């Protein structure tokens, strides 16, 4: 498949044109995107109370589990002490 000089020249021009467009788009931003407006937040509610409620719930559950474990340990101390003595 042979190409004439004219076809080669057209391909070179097309490649240069595409390359110039790519470089132009990456180096210099388009004028439409130079200004970006910042939109303020619609609501700025604090999540302090919900975090506090979650922390209290976690603390309550942890306290119940620990209390239950200590109550079982105290009720069965003689079994635990016997198992540790062996």
N, C-alpha and C. Protein backbone atom coordinates (compact mmCIF):
# COMPACT_ATOMS: atom_id res chain seq x y z
N UNK A 1 0.84 -1.16 0.00
CA UNK A 1 0.00 0.00 0.00
C UNK A 1 0.89 1.24 0.00
N UNK A 2 0.94 1.91 -1.09
CA UNK A 2 1.78 3.09 -1.24
C UNK A 2 0.92 4.34 -1.15
N UNK A 3 1.52 5.33 -0.49
CA UNK A 3 0.83 6.61 -0.36
C UNK A 3 1.60 7.65 -1.15
N UNK A 4 0.88 8.52 -1.73
CA UNK A 4 1.53 9.59 -2.47
C UNK A 4 2.03 10.64 -1.49
N UNK A 5 2.88 11.50 -1.97
CA UNK A 5 3.41 12.57 -1.13
C UNK A 5 2.30 13.49 -0.64
N UNK A 6 1.32 13.70 -1.46
CA UNK A 6 0.20 14.57 -1.07
C UNK A 6 -0.57 13.95 0.10
N UNK A 7 -0.81 12.64 0.04
CA UNK A 7 -1.52 11.97 1.13
C UNK A 7 -0.70 12.01 2.42
N UNK A 8 0.62 11.79 2.29
CA UNK A 8 1.48 11.86 3.48
C UNK A 8 1.44 13.27 4.08
N UNK A 9 1.47 14.25 3.24
CA UNK A 9 1.41 15.63 3.70
C UNK A 9 0.10 15.93 4.42
N UNK A 10 -1.00 15.41 3.88
CA UNK A 10 -2.30 15.61 4.51
C UNK A 10 -2.34 14.93 5.88
N UNK A 11 -1.78 13.73 5.96
CA UNK A 11 -1.76 13.01 7.25
C UNK A 11 -0.93 13.78 8.28
N UNK A 12 0.22 14.29 7.85
CA UNK A 12 1.07 15.05 8.76
C UNK A 12 0.33 16.30 9.26
N UNK A 13 -0.34 16.98 8.37
CA UNK A 13 -1.08 18.18 8.76
C UNK A 13 -2.20 17.84 9.74
N UNK A 14 -2.92 16.74 9.46
CA UNK A 14 -4.00 16.31 10.33
C UNK A 14 -3.46 15.95 11.72
N UNK A 15 -2.32 15.22 11.76
CA UNK A 15 -1.72 14.85 13.04
C UNK A 15 -1.26 16.08 13.80
N UNK A 16 -0.67 17.02 13.12
CA UNK A 16 -0.22 18.25 13.77
C UNK A 16 -1.41 19.03 14.31
N UNK A 17 -2.48 19.08 13.54
CA UNK A 17 -3.67 19.80 13.96
C UNK A 17 -4.28 19.17 15.22
N UNK A 18 -4.39 17.83 15.22
CA UNK A 18 -4.94 17.13 16.38
C UNK A 18 -4.01 17.33 17.57
N UNK A 19 -2.71 17.21 17.35
CA UNK A 19 -1.75 17.41 18.44
C UNK A 19 -1.82 18.80 19.02
N UNK A 20 -1.98 19.80 18.16
CA UNK A 20 -2.07 21.18 18.63
C UNK A 20 -3.34 21.38 19.45
N UNK A 21 -4.42 20.76 19.04
CA UNK A 21 -5.66 20.88 19.82
C UNK A 21 -5.54 20.22 21.19
N UNK A 22 -4.89 19.06 21.24
CA UNK A 22 -4.72 18.37 22.51
C UNK A 22 -3.84 19.19 23.44
N UNK A 23 -2.73 19.70 22.95
CA UNK A 23 -1.84 20.51 23.77
C UNK A 23 -2.54 21.79 24.22
N UNK A 24 -3.27 22.41 23.33
CA UNK A 24 -3.99 23.63 23.67
C UNK A 24 -5.04 23.40 24.74
N UNK A 25 -5.69 22.25 24.69
CA UNK A 25 -6.73 21.96 25.67
C UNK A 25 -6.14 21.63 27.03
N UNK A 26 -4.96 21.03 27.07
CA UNK A 26 -4.38 20.65 28.35
C UNK A 26 -3.60 21.79 28.98
N UNK A 27 -2.97 22.63 28.19
CA UNK A 27 -2.14 23.71 28.73
C UNK A 27 -3.00 24.90 29.13
N UNK A 28 -3.84 25.35 28.25
CA UNK A 28 -4.66 26.52 28.52
C UNK A 28 -6.11 26.09 28.70
N UNK A 29 -6.67 26.29 29.89
CA UNK A 29 -8.07 25.91 30.08
C UNK A 29 -8.98 26.80 29.25
N UNK A 30 -10.12 26.26 28.94
CA UNK A 30 -11.06 27.03 28.14
C UNK A 30 -11.58 28.21 28.95
N UNK A 31 -11.89 29.33 28.32
CA UNK A 31 -12.33 30.52 29.04
C UNK A 31 -13.62 30.30 29.82
N UNK A 32 -14.42 29.34 29.44
CA UNK A 32 -15.68 29.11 30.14
C UNK A 32 -15.44 28.57 31.55
N UNK A 33 -14.33 27.84 31.76
CA UNK A 33 -14.09 27.20 33.06
C UNK A 33 -13.19 28.03 33.96
N UNK A 34 -12.86 29.25 33.59
CA UNK A 34 -11.97 30.05 34.42
C UNK A 34 -12.66 30.52 35.70
N UNK A 35 -13.95 30.71 35.66
CA UNK A 35 -14.68 31.19 36.82
C UNK A 35 -15.59 30.09 37.34
N UNK A 36 -15.35 29.68 38.58
CA UNK A 36 -16.21 28.67 39.19
C UNK A 36 -16.84 29.29 40.42
N UNK A 37 -18.13 29.32 40.45
CA UNK A 37 -18.85 29.92 41.56
C UNK A 37 -18.94 28.91 42.70
N UNK A 38 -18.73 29.39 43.90
CA UNK A 38 -18.81 28.54 45.08
C UNK A 38 -20.20 28.71 45.67
N UNK A 39 -20.88 27.60 45.85
CA UNK A 39 -22.23 27.62 46.39
C UNK A 39 -22.15 27.30 47.88
N UNK A 40 -22.71 28.13 48.74
CA UNK A 40 -22.65 27.84 50.17
C UNK A 40 -23.49 26.60 50.52
N UNK A 41 -23.16 25.98 51.60
CA UNK A 41 -23.89 24.80 52.05
C UNK A 41 -25.33 25.19 52.37
N UNK A 42 -26.25 24.32 52.03
CA UNK A 42 -27.66 24.63 52.28
C UNK A 42 -27.98 24.54 53.77
N UNK A 43 -27.43 23.56 54.45
CA UNK A 43 -27.64 23.44 55.90
C UNK A 43 -26.30 23.16 56.55
N UNK A 44 -26.11 23.70 57.72
CA UNK A 44 -24.88 23.48 58.47
C UNK A 44 -25.23 23.01 59.87
N UNK A 45 -25.96 21.91 59.94
CA UNK A 45 -26.38 21.39 61.23
C UNK A 45 -25.22 20.69 61.92
N UNK A 46 -25.20 20.78 63.23
CA UNK A 46 -24.18 20.12 64.02
C UNK A 46 -24.64 18.70 64.34
N UNK A 47 -23.73 17.76 64.32
CA UNK A 47 -24.09 16.38 64.65
C UNK A 47 -23.61 16.02 66.05
N UNK A 48 -23.41 17.06 66.87
CA UNK A 48 -22.90 16.85 68.23
C UNK A 48 -23.85 16.00 69.07
N UNK A 49 -25.14 16.26 68.98
CA UNK A 49 -26.09 15.51 69.80
C UNK A 49 -26.20 14.06 69.35
N UNK A 50 -26.17 13.81 68.05
CA UNK A 50 -26.26 12.42 67.59
C UNK A 50 -25.01 11.63 67.95
N UNK A 51 -23.84 12.27 67.90
CA UNK A 51 -22.61 11.59 68.31
C UNK A 51 -22.65 11.30 69.81
N UNK A 52 -23.16 12.24 70.58
CA UNK A 52 -23.28 12.03 72.03
C UNK A 52 -24.24 10.88 72.32
N UNK A 53 -25.35 10.81 71.62
CA UNK A 53 -26.31 9.72 71.83
C UNK A 53 -25.69 8.37 71.47
N UNK A 54 -24.95 8.31 70.38
CA UNK A 54 -24.30 7.06 69.99
C UNK A 54 -23.26 6.65 71.03
N UNK A 55 -22.50 7.61 71.54
CA UNK A 55 -21.49 7.31 72.56
C UNK A 55 -22.13 6.80 73.84
N UNK A 56 -23.22 7.42 74.23
CA UNK A 56 -23.93 6.97 75.43
C UNK A 56 -24.49 5.56 75.26
N UNK A 57 -25.02 5.27 74.10
CA UNK A 57 -25.56 3.94 73.84
C UNK A 57 -24.45 2.89 73.88
N UNK A 58 -23.32 3.20 73.27
CA UNK A 58 -22.19 2.26 73.28
C UNK A 58 -21.69 2.06 74.71
N UNK A 59 -21.62 3.14 75.48
CA UNK A 59 -21.20 3.04 76.87
C UNK A 59 -22.17 2.21 77.71
N UNK A 60 -23.45 2.38 77.48
CA UNK A 60 -24.47 1.62 78.20
C UNK A 60 -24.35 0.13 77.91
N UNK A 61 -24.23 -0.21 76.63
CA UNK A 61 -24.11 -1.62 76.24
C UNK A 61 -22.82 -2.23 76.80
N UNK A 62 -21.72 -1.49 76.72
CA UNK A 62 -20.45 -2.00 77.26
C UNK A 62 -20.54 -2.19 78.77
N UNK A 63 -21.19 -1.26 79.45
CA UNK A 63 -21.36 -1.39 80.90
C UNK A 63 -22.22 -2.60 81.28
N UNK A 64 -23.28 -2.83 80.53
CA UNK A 64 -24.12 -3.99 80.80
C UNK A 64 -23.36 -5.30 80.59
N UNK A 65 -22.61 -5.38 79.50
CA UNK A 65 -21.84 -6.60 79.22
C UNK A 65 -20.79 -6.82 80.29
N UNK A 66 -20.07 -5.77 80.67
CA UNK A 66 -19.04 -5.90 81.70
C UNK A 66 -19.66 -6.26 83.05
N UNK A 67 -20.76 -5.63 83.40
CA UNK A 67 -21.44 -5.94 84.66
C UNK A 67 -21.94 -7.37 84.70
N UNK A 68 -22.49 -7.83 83.60
CA UNK A 68 -22.98 -9.22 83.53
C UNK A 68 -21.82 -10.19 83.67
N UNK A 69 -20.70 -9.89 83.02
CA UNK A 69 -19.53 -10.77 83.11
C UNK A 69 -18.98 -10.81 84.53
N UNK A 70 -18.91 -9.65 85.20
CA UNK A 70 -18.42 -9.63 86.58
C UNK A 70 -19.38 -10.34 87.53
N UNK A 71 -20.69 -10.21 87.30
CA UNK A 71 -21.67 -10.91 88.14
C UNK A 71 -21.53 -12.42 87.98
N UNK A 72 -21.34 -12.89 86.76
CA UNK A 72 -21.13 -14.33 86.53
C UNK A 72 -19.83 -14.81 87.19
N UNK A 73 -18.79 -13.99 87.08
CA UNK A 73 -17.51 -14.36 87.70
C UNK A 73 -17.64 -14.45 89.21
N UNK A 74 -18.34 -13.52 89.82
CA UNK A 74 -18.53 -13.54 91.28
C UNK A 74 -19.39 -14.72 91.71
N UNK A 75 -20.45 -15.01 90.95
CA UNK A 75 -21.34 -16.11 91.31
C UNK A 75 -20.65 -17.46 91.17
N UNK A 76 -19.73 -17.56 90.22
CA UNK A 76 -19.06 -18.84 89.96
C UNK A 76 -17.59 -18.80 90.35
N UNK A 77 -17.25 -17.96 91.31
CA UNK A 77 -15.85 -17.81 91.68
C UNK A 77 -15.22 -19.12 92.16
N UNK A 78 -15.97 -19.90 92.88
CA UNK A 78 -15.40 -21.16 93.40
C UNK A 78 -15.07 -22.12 92.26
N UNK A 79 -15.87 -22.09 91.18
CA UNK A 79 -15.56 -22.95 90.02
C UNK A 79 -14.32 -22.44 89.28
N UNK A 80 -14.24 -21.14 89.17
CA UNK A 80 -13.10 -20.54 88.45
C UNK A 80 -11.82 -20.78 89.27
N UNK A 81 -11.90 -20.60 90.59
CA UNK A 81 -10.73 -20.79 91.43
C UNK A 81 -10.25 -22.23 91.41
N UNK A 82 -11.21 -23.14 91.36
CA UNK A 82 -10.84 -24.57 91.28
C UNK A 82 -10.19 -24.90 89.96
N UNK A 83 -10.66 -24.30 88.89
CA UNK A 83 -10.09 -24.57 87.57
C UNK A 83 -8.69 -23.98 87.46
N UNK A 84 -8.47 -22.83 88.11
CA UNK A 84 -7.15 -22.21 88.07
C UNK A 84 -6.15 -22.96 88.93
N UNK A 85 -6.63 -23.64 89.99
CA UNK A 85 -5.73 -24.36 90.90
C UNK A 85 -5.20 -25.64 90.24
N UNK A 86 -5.89 -26.17 89.31
CA UNK A 86 -5.45 -27.43 88.68
C UNK A 86 -4.29 -27.25 87.80
